[in-house]
């Protein structure tokens, strides 16, 4: 039997460790950062774990998505003959059902969710996993050849990705994760990997990343795309799939997400119409939370880039109060400033990047035009309170941070949960999970 090196100890690595134990594989070492060895031993008693990465002598290296594949110890092991792989590659290789992958800078979770719903509407049993937070490794024995598997895939997972897929879709490509990727070229190359060995390829007509590969196109604004919007309908060529008005928001991004999912799955009018009418968003993605002190409040904590925030704000027909801030991902802030000037009635900035964001907004207004009133409040709790106070009765408050959460929270989900709890407390309501 080969020997394995598990690189990292996050959720992906934990799924791999559990899978190895379940299959009776014991010849492996877990490589972690300094200070993480005790955490792994508590979770997996008896496992061999080390924080000394050099040299790595095992034959198969299973990389966690957050571990760069070009780290010197990994590169030396690969040069010496070791095979580099990952948890998601194991799922693709061992799944008995066709696997469909979705990636992109924005909208990949929503698109993957819509693809899963379309497959269900077509009569398939569906397994949704990947970057969406659920490893399918423990469920592989349950997946039948007649099922469908949909995986949301991040650029981190795709850095060394090469499995064959039944279908692959790229929702769009904008600057993202440049605090981790070396540059935009590396980020683009990672995303491109999903298309290289796919039987069915789907790309956004507004900006293809693999134009030399045969693919299907979609767009809410380019009518020449194979899947497009025309005459008030979502269209497949000349065929009407669903009224655009059936979508819960008229924003272009949701129309594109559903068009992309329809192109990936091959769903027809019956399935697309049913899903369009029933879909009401994914948690933390322009999610409506209800009224708090007569203010309509939305959670879009997943918006960790200026481009995502711009897309979210475009969904609202009237100006809204915006909560933005967190840790910048080394991305330009001009798109954020432009979106706030177009769509915000007021802005409260918070967190590590809040002052920089506010400066970008004020700088954008130096050439004239309207700039919404804004404040910077470092503390998130105080910022939420101030934003709610700044929103008139009947108005709308949106948490759309345009930045990562890691300056103050473990994840965008924790940030969203904190936001919800604060709203309930400020409104004098009882919060129940």
Foldseek 3Di string as FASTA:
>chain_A
DFAEEEEEDDPFSVLVVVLCVVVVHQRYEYAYAPPCPVVVCVVPPPHHYDPDPPADATQEYAYDLQDDCVDPNNVVNVVVHHHYAYLVQVCLVLALAAEEEEEEPPDRVVLLVLLQLLVVVVPAAEAEEEPVHDRCSVVRVVHHHRHYYYYYYYLSNQLPDAHEGQEYEYLYYDDDLVLRDVDSVSSLVSNCNRVPRYPAYEYEPVDDSCVVDDYAYEFAPDVVGCFYDDPQATDRNPHGQAGCVLAPFNFRSSSSSLSRSCSRNVGGNVSSHVSRNPDDDDPQCQAFDQAFPLATEGGNLVQAALVSLLRSLSRDPAAAEEEAEAAASPDDLLSNLVSCLVHHQEYEYEADCRVVNVVSNVVVCPVDHDGHHYYYDHDPLVSLVVSVVVADRNGYYYYNHNRFHVRPDPGSVVVRVVSSVSSCVSRVHDDDD
